Amino acid sequence: MTNNSGKIVLLTGGSRGLGKEAALQLAKSGFDVIITFQSSKESAEAVVEEIKALGRKSSSLQLDLEKTVSFDGFVSNLKEILEKDFGRNKIDALVNNAGTGHYASIAETTEAAFDAMSSIHLKAPFFLTQKLLSLINEGGSIVNTSSGLARFSYPNYAAYAIMKAGIDSLTRYQALEFGPLKIRVNSIAPGAIETDFGGGAVRDNKAINDMIASNTALGRVGLPDDIGSVVAFLCSEDSKWINAQRIEVSGGIHI
């Protein structure tokens, strides 16, 4: 296994859920981790302390993905943190994880809700990665977050899922254009996971949980650490020849 010690990952949305678990898995794999949060600084700092307890360096930065106008300021803050807390001027991997769900039929989806999904899940990864590109070391890795819902369809997820389908396309184009920089780009597509996402429906509603488990080859719903370990793998040199791929991490749902 590759030694990741001293390598730095920037992960958006690391204060809870899949992002928190991915941040901890990255730390356990030897990475230093910078996480972002939108509003819950206290939760983010708790994750930072957990990472430090694992013997790795960590910091948190505020970031609102809907406000692309703030990205230049975020990059400036990141540069300061890198120099002050890590003694570095670049990162080795970027994980575009942060996001939120929207549950409504096409008929009931408002334009404002659609625009929010577009800004958070598609526009932000496009332009944030653009702003950060010069800060990613040659040989680095970018991991974008797609969804199983970009392959199979459930009612009331259209506005969310079509943005994730766009992420899969963006991933291929980024891999093509960033290839000369020796930066790999892949997307992970989680299936249904027991988190607070979508109000915790998969975690807390037994009927939904059982339905998903019955349609999954491995016979259960996913857990957060099922995803985090794959993120850590894709950020490491152990995955050095995996590029431009959509990797569904769903236990084999709807095969």
Protein backbone atom coordinates (compact mmCIF):
# COMPACT_ATOMS: atom_id res chain seq x y z
CA MET A 1 0.00 0.00 0.00
CA THR A 2 1.24 3.48 -0.92
CA ASN A 3 2.52 5.75 1.86
CA ASN A 4 0.25 8.81 1.84
CA SER A 5 2.01 10.55 4.72
CA GLY A 6 2.44 14.27 4.11
CA LYS A 7 -0.07 14.41 1.27
CA ILE A 8 -2.94 16.86 1.63
CA VAL A 9 -6.55 16.39 0.56
CA LEU A 10 -9.14 19.16 0.33
CA LEU A 11 -12.63 17.75 0.83
CA THR A 12 -15.76 19.89 0.54
CA GLY A 13 -18.59 19.26 2.96
CA GLY A 14 -16.67 17.37 5.61
CA SER A 15 -18.61 18.24 8.75
CA ARG A 16 -21.16 15.38 8.60
CA GLY A 17 -22.43 12.35 6.72
CA LEU A 18 -20.41 10.83 3.90
CA GLY A 19 -18.00 13.77 3.88
CA LYS A 20 -17.11 13.31 7.54
CA GLU A 21 -16.58 9.58 7.10
CA ALA A 22 -14.46 10.14 3.97
CA ALA A 23 -12.33 12.69 5.84
CA LEU A 24 -11.72 10.19 8.64
CA GLN A 25 -10.93 7.39 6.21
CA LEU A 26 -8.47 9.65 4.41
CA ALA A 27 -6.77 10.44 7.73
CA LYS A 28 -6.60 6.74 8.61
CA SER A 29 -4.93 6.21 5.22
CA GLY A 30 -2.23 8.73 6.12
CA PHE A 31 -3.50 11.92 4.46
CA ASP A 32 -3.65 15.33 6.06
CA VAL A 33 -7.15 16.72 5.46
CA ILE A 34 -8.68 20.16 4.98
CA ILE A 35 -12.47 20.14 5.11
CA THR A 36 -15.02 22.78 4.25
CA PHE A 37 -18.32 23.56 5.94
CA GLN A 38 -21.17 25.86 5.00
CA SER A 39 -22.54 26.93 8.38
CA SER A 40 -21.71 24.42 11.12
CA LYS A 41 -18.23 25.50 12.19
CA GLU A 42 -18.61 23.63 15.49
CA SER A 43 -19.31 20.31 13.73
CA ALA A 44 -16.42 20.89 11.33
CA GLU A 45 -14.00 21.61 14.16
CA ALA A 46 -15.11 18.41 15.90
CA VAL A 47 -14.13 16.48 12.77
CA VAL A 48 -10.81 18.35 12.63
CA GLU A 49 -10.11 17.25 16.21
CA GLU A 50 -10.96 13.63 15.34
CA ILE A 51 -8.51 13.77 12.44
CA LYS A 52 -5.79 15.25 14.65
CA ALA A 53 -6.43 12.48 17.18
CA LEU A 54 -5.52 10.05 14.40
CA GLY A 55 -2.13 11.74 14.14
CA ARG A 56 -2.78 13.79 11.02
CA LYS A 57 -2.89 17.54 10.39
CA SER A 58 -6.28 19.11 9.68
CA SER A 59 -8.06 22.44 9.28
CA SER A 60 -11.52 23.64 8.27
CA LEU A 61 -12.64 26.48 6.02
CA GLN A 62 -16.05 28.01 5.40
CA LEU A 63 -17.41 27.67 1.86
CA ASP A 64 -20.85 28.30 0.36
CA LEU A 65 -21.02 26.41 -2.93
CA GLU A 66 -23.97 28.45 -4.19
CA LYS A 67 -21.85 31.63 -4.15
CA THR A 68 -19.27 31.23 -6.89
CA VAL A 69 -18.38 34.89 -6.37
CA SER A 70 -16.81 33.80 -3.06
CA PHE A 71 -14.48 31.21 -4.63
CA ASP A 72 -11.56 33.60 -5.18
CA GLY A 73 -11.63 34.54 -1.50
CA PHE A 74 -11.83 30.89 -0.54
CA VAL A 75 -8.75 30.08 -2.62
CA SER A 76 -6.86 32.93 -0.92
CA ASN A 77 -7.87 31.59 2.50
CA LEU A 78 -6.79 28.10 1.45
CA LYS A 79 -3.36 29.35 0.42
CA GLU A 80 -2.92 30.98 3.82
CA ILE A 81 -4.00 27.82 5.66
CA LEU A 82 -1.68 25.66 3.57
CA GLU A 83 1.30 27.82 4.38
CA LYS A 84 0.47 28.45 8.03
CA ASP A 85 -0.79 25.03 9.15
CA PHE A 86 0.84 22.64 6.68
CA GLY A 87 4.00 24.35 5.47
CA ARG A 88 2.97 23.69 1.87
CA ASN A 89 1.64 25.66 -1.07
CA LYS A 90 -0.29 22.94 -2.91
CA ILE A 91 -2.68 20.07 -2.30
CA ASP A 92 -2.46 16.52 -3.63
CA ALA A 93 -6.14 15.72 -4.04
CA LEU A 94 -9.52 17.42 -4.24
CA VAL A 95 -12.78 15.70 -3.29
CA ASN A 96 -15.88 17.52 -4.54
CA ASN A 97 -18.25 16.01 -1.99
CA ALA A 98 -20.50 18.73 -0.58
CA GLY A 99 -24.14 18.73 -1.58
CA THR A 100 -27.74 18.61 -0.53
CA GLY A 101 -30.81 16.79 -1.75
CA HIS A 102 -34.12 17.87 -3.23
CA TYR A 103 -37.17 15.61 -3.12
CA ALA A 104 -40.02 16.68 -5.41
CA SER A 105 -41.69 15.57 -8.60
CA ILE A 106 -40.85 17.32 -11.86
CA ALA A 107 -44.33 18.88 -11.79
CA GLU A 108 -43.70 20.33 -8.33
CA THR A 109 -40.05 21.38 -8.67
CA THR A 110 -39.67 25.16 -8.59
CA GLU A 111 -37.19 27.03 -10.75
CA ALA A 112 -35.44 28.23 -7.60
CA ALA A 113 -34.99 24.66 -6.38
CA PHE A 114 -33.71 23.56 -9.79
CA ASP A 115 -31.24 26.44 -9.87
CA ALA A 116 -29.99 25.56 -6.39
CA MET A 117 -29.36 21.96 -7.44
CA SER A 118 -27.51 23.17 -10.53
CA SER A 119 -25.40 25.64 -8.58
CA ILE A 120 -24.44 23.25 -5.79
CA HIS A 121 -23.97 20.00 -7.69
CA LEU A 122 -22.77 21.07 -11.14
CA LYS A 123 -21.69 24.70 -11.34
CA ALA A 124 -19.72 24.63 -8.10
CA PRO A 125 -17.60 21.56 -8.91
CA PHE A 126 -16.92 23.01 -12.36
CA PHE A 127 -15.74 26.44 -11.21
CA LEU A 128 -14.24 25.52 -7.85
CA THR A 129 -12.04 22.94 -9.56
CA GLN A 130 -11.13 25.54 -12.17
CA LYS A 131 -10.03 27.94 -9.43
CA LEU A 132 -8.07 25.25 -7.58
CA LEU A 133 -6.38 23.63 -10.56
CA SER A 134 -3.11 25.53 -10.18
CA LEU A 135 -2.93 24.40 -6.54
CA ILE A 136 -3.12 20.67 -7.29
CA ASN A 137 0.24 18.92 -7.51
CA GLU A 138 1.22 17.09 -10.67
CA GLY A 139 0.21 13.47 -10.24
CA GLY A 140 -2.72 14.49 -8.06
CA SER A 141 -6.27 13.21 -7.98
CA ILE A 142 -9.76 14.71 -8.20
CA VAL A 143 -12.78 12.77 -6.98
CA ASN A 144 -16.23 14.05 -7.94
CA THR A 145 -19.42 12.83 -6.29
CA SER A 146 -22.11 11.42 -8.54
CA SER A 147 -25.01 9.18 -7.48
CA GLY A 148 -26.51 5.81 -8.25
CA LEU A 149 -29.57 7.84 -9.25
CA ALA A 150 -27.70 8.91 -12.39
CA ARG A 151 -28.03 5.28 -13.61
CA PHE A 152 -31.36 4.12 -12.16
CA SER A 153 -34.42 6.27 -11.51
CA TYR A 154 -36.62 6.76 -8.46
CA PRO A 155 -39.59 9.17 -8.43
CA ASN A 156 -39.04 12.69 -7.11
CA TYR A 157 -35.26 12.87 -7.57
CA ALA A 158 -35.08 14.35 -11.08
CA ALA A 159 -33.59 17.76 -10.23
CA TYR A 160 -30.88 16.15 -8.11
CA ALA A 161 -30.13 13.16 -10.30
CA ILE A 162 -29.71 14.96 -13.61
CA MET A 163 -27.05 17.16 -12.04
CA LYS A 164 -25.21 14.02 -10.95
CA ALA A 165 -25.42 12.68 -14.50
CA GLY A 166 -23.76 15.94 -15.50
CA ILE A 167 -21.00 15.27 -12.96
CA ASP A 168 -20.19 11.99 -14.70
CA SER A 169 -19.76 13.87 -17.97
CA LEU A 170 -17.76 16.65 -16.32
CA THR A 171 -15.46 14.01 -14.85
CA ARG A 172 -14.57 12.63 -18.27
CA TYR A 173 -13.89 16.09 -19.70
CA GLN A 174 -11.76 17.05 -16.69
CA ALA A 175 -9.77 13.83 -17.04
CA LEU A 176 -9.17 14.63 -20.71
CA GLU A 177 -8.11 18.22 -20.15
CA PHE A 178 -6.12 17.66 -16.95
CA GLY A 179 -4.26 14.65 -18.35
CA PRO A 180 -1.26 16.75 -19.43
CA LEU A 181 -0.94 17.83 -15.78
CA LYS A 182 -0.92 14.14 -14.77
CA ILE A 183 -4.03 14.76 -12.66
CA ARG A 184 -6.51 11.89 -12.56
CA VAL A 185 -10.26 12.55 -12.31
CA ASN A 186 -12.89 9.99 -11.33
CA SER A 187 -16.41 10.07 -9.96
CA ILE A 188 -17.90 7.89 -7.26
CA ALA A 189 -21.61 7.11 -7.38
CA PRO A 190 -22.92 6.06 -3.96
CA GLY A 191 -26.10 4.03 -3.74
CA ALA A 192 -28.54 4.55 -0.89
CA ILE A 193 -26.58 5.12 2.34
CA GLU A 194 -27.69 5.29 5.98
CA THR A 195 -27.01 8.97 6.72
CA ASP A 196 -29.07 12.08 7.50
CA PHE A 197 -29.30 12.82 3.75
CA GLY A 198 -32.87 13.42 2.61
CA GLY A 199 -34.06 13.69 6.20
CA GLY A 200 -32.53 10.32 7.06
CA ALA A 201 -35.20 8.38 5.13
CA VAL A 202 -32.92 5.48 4.17
CA ARG A 203 -31.55 5.24 7.71
CA ASP A 204 -34.76 5.75 9.68
CA ASN A 205 -37.60 4.38 7.51
CA LYS A 206 -37.60 0.59 7.81
CA ALA A 207 -39.84 0.08 4.78
CA ILE A 208 -37.49 2.10 2.55
CA ASN A 209 -34.44 0.44 4.06
CA ASP A 210 -35.88 -3.04 3.49
CA MET A 211 -36.92 -2.22 -0.08
CA ILE A 212 -33.43 -1.03 -1.00
CA ALA A 213 -31.77 -3.98 0.72
CA SER A 214 -34.02 -6.40 -1.20
CA ASN A 215 -32.92 -4.84 -4.49
CA THR A 216 -29.20 -4.94 -3.63
CA ALA A 217 -27.09 -7.98 -4.49
CA LEU A 218 -25.24 -7.86 -1.15
CA GLY A 219 -28.53 -7.69 0.74
CA ARG A 220 -28.17 -4.51 2.76
CA VAL A 221 -28.18 -0.74 2.56
CA GLY A 222 -24.84 1.05 2.38
CA LEU A 223 -23.04 2.53 5.37
CA PRO A 224 -20.89 5.69 5.37
CA ASP A 225 -17.59 3.80 5.69
CA ASP A 226 -18.48 1.82 2.54
CA ILE A 227 -17.92 5.07 0.63
CA GLY A 228 -15.10 6.73 2.55
CA SER A 229 -12.63 3.92 1.95
CA VAL A 230 -13.20 4.17 -1.81
CA VAL A 231 -12.58 7.92 -1.72
CA ALA A 232 -9.30 7.31 0.11
CA PHE A 233 -8.31 4.69 -2.46
CA LEU A 234 -8.99 7.03 -5.39
CA CYS A 235 -6.96 9.81 -3.76
CA SER A 236 -3.96 7.53 -3.31
CA GLU A 237 -1.31 6.27 -5.68
CA ASP A 238 -2.80 2.80 -5.28
CA SER A 239 -5.33 3.88 -7.93
CA LYS A 240 -2.76 5.54 -10.15
CA TRP A 241 -4.03 3.98 -13.41
CA ILE A 242 -7.73 4.59 -12.79
CA ASN A 243 -8.86 7.66 -14.70
CA ALA A 244 -12.06 9.09 -16.23
CA GLN A 245 -14.16 6.42 -14.52
CA ARG A 246 -17.56 6.43 -12.85
CA ILE A 247 -17.32 3.97 -9.96
CA GLU A 248 -20.68 3.03 -8.48
CA VAL A 249 -20.38 2.11 -4.82
CA SER A 250 -23.78 0.60 -4.18
CA GLY A 251 -23.38 -3.06 -3.27
CA GLY A 252 -24.90 -4.03 -6.59
CA ILE A 253 -28.30 -2.31 -6.52
CA HIS A 254 -30.64 -2.81 -9.48
CA ILE A 255 -28.16 -4.96 -11.39
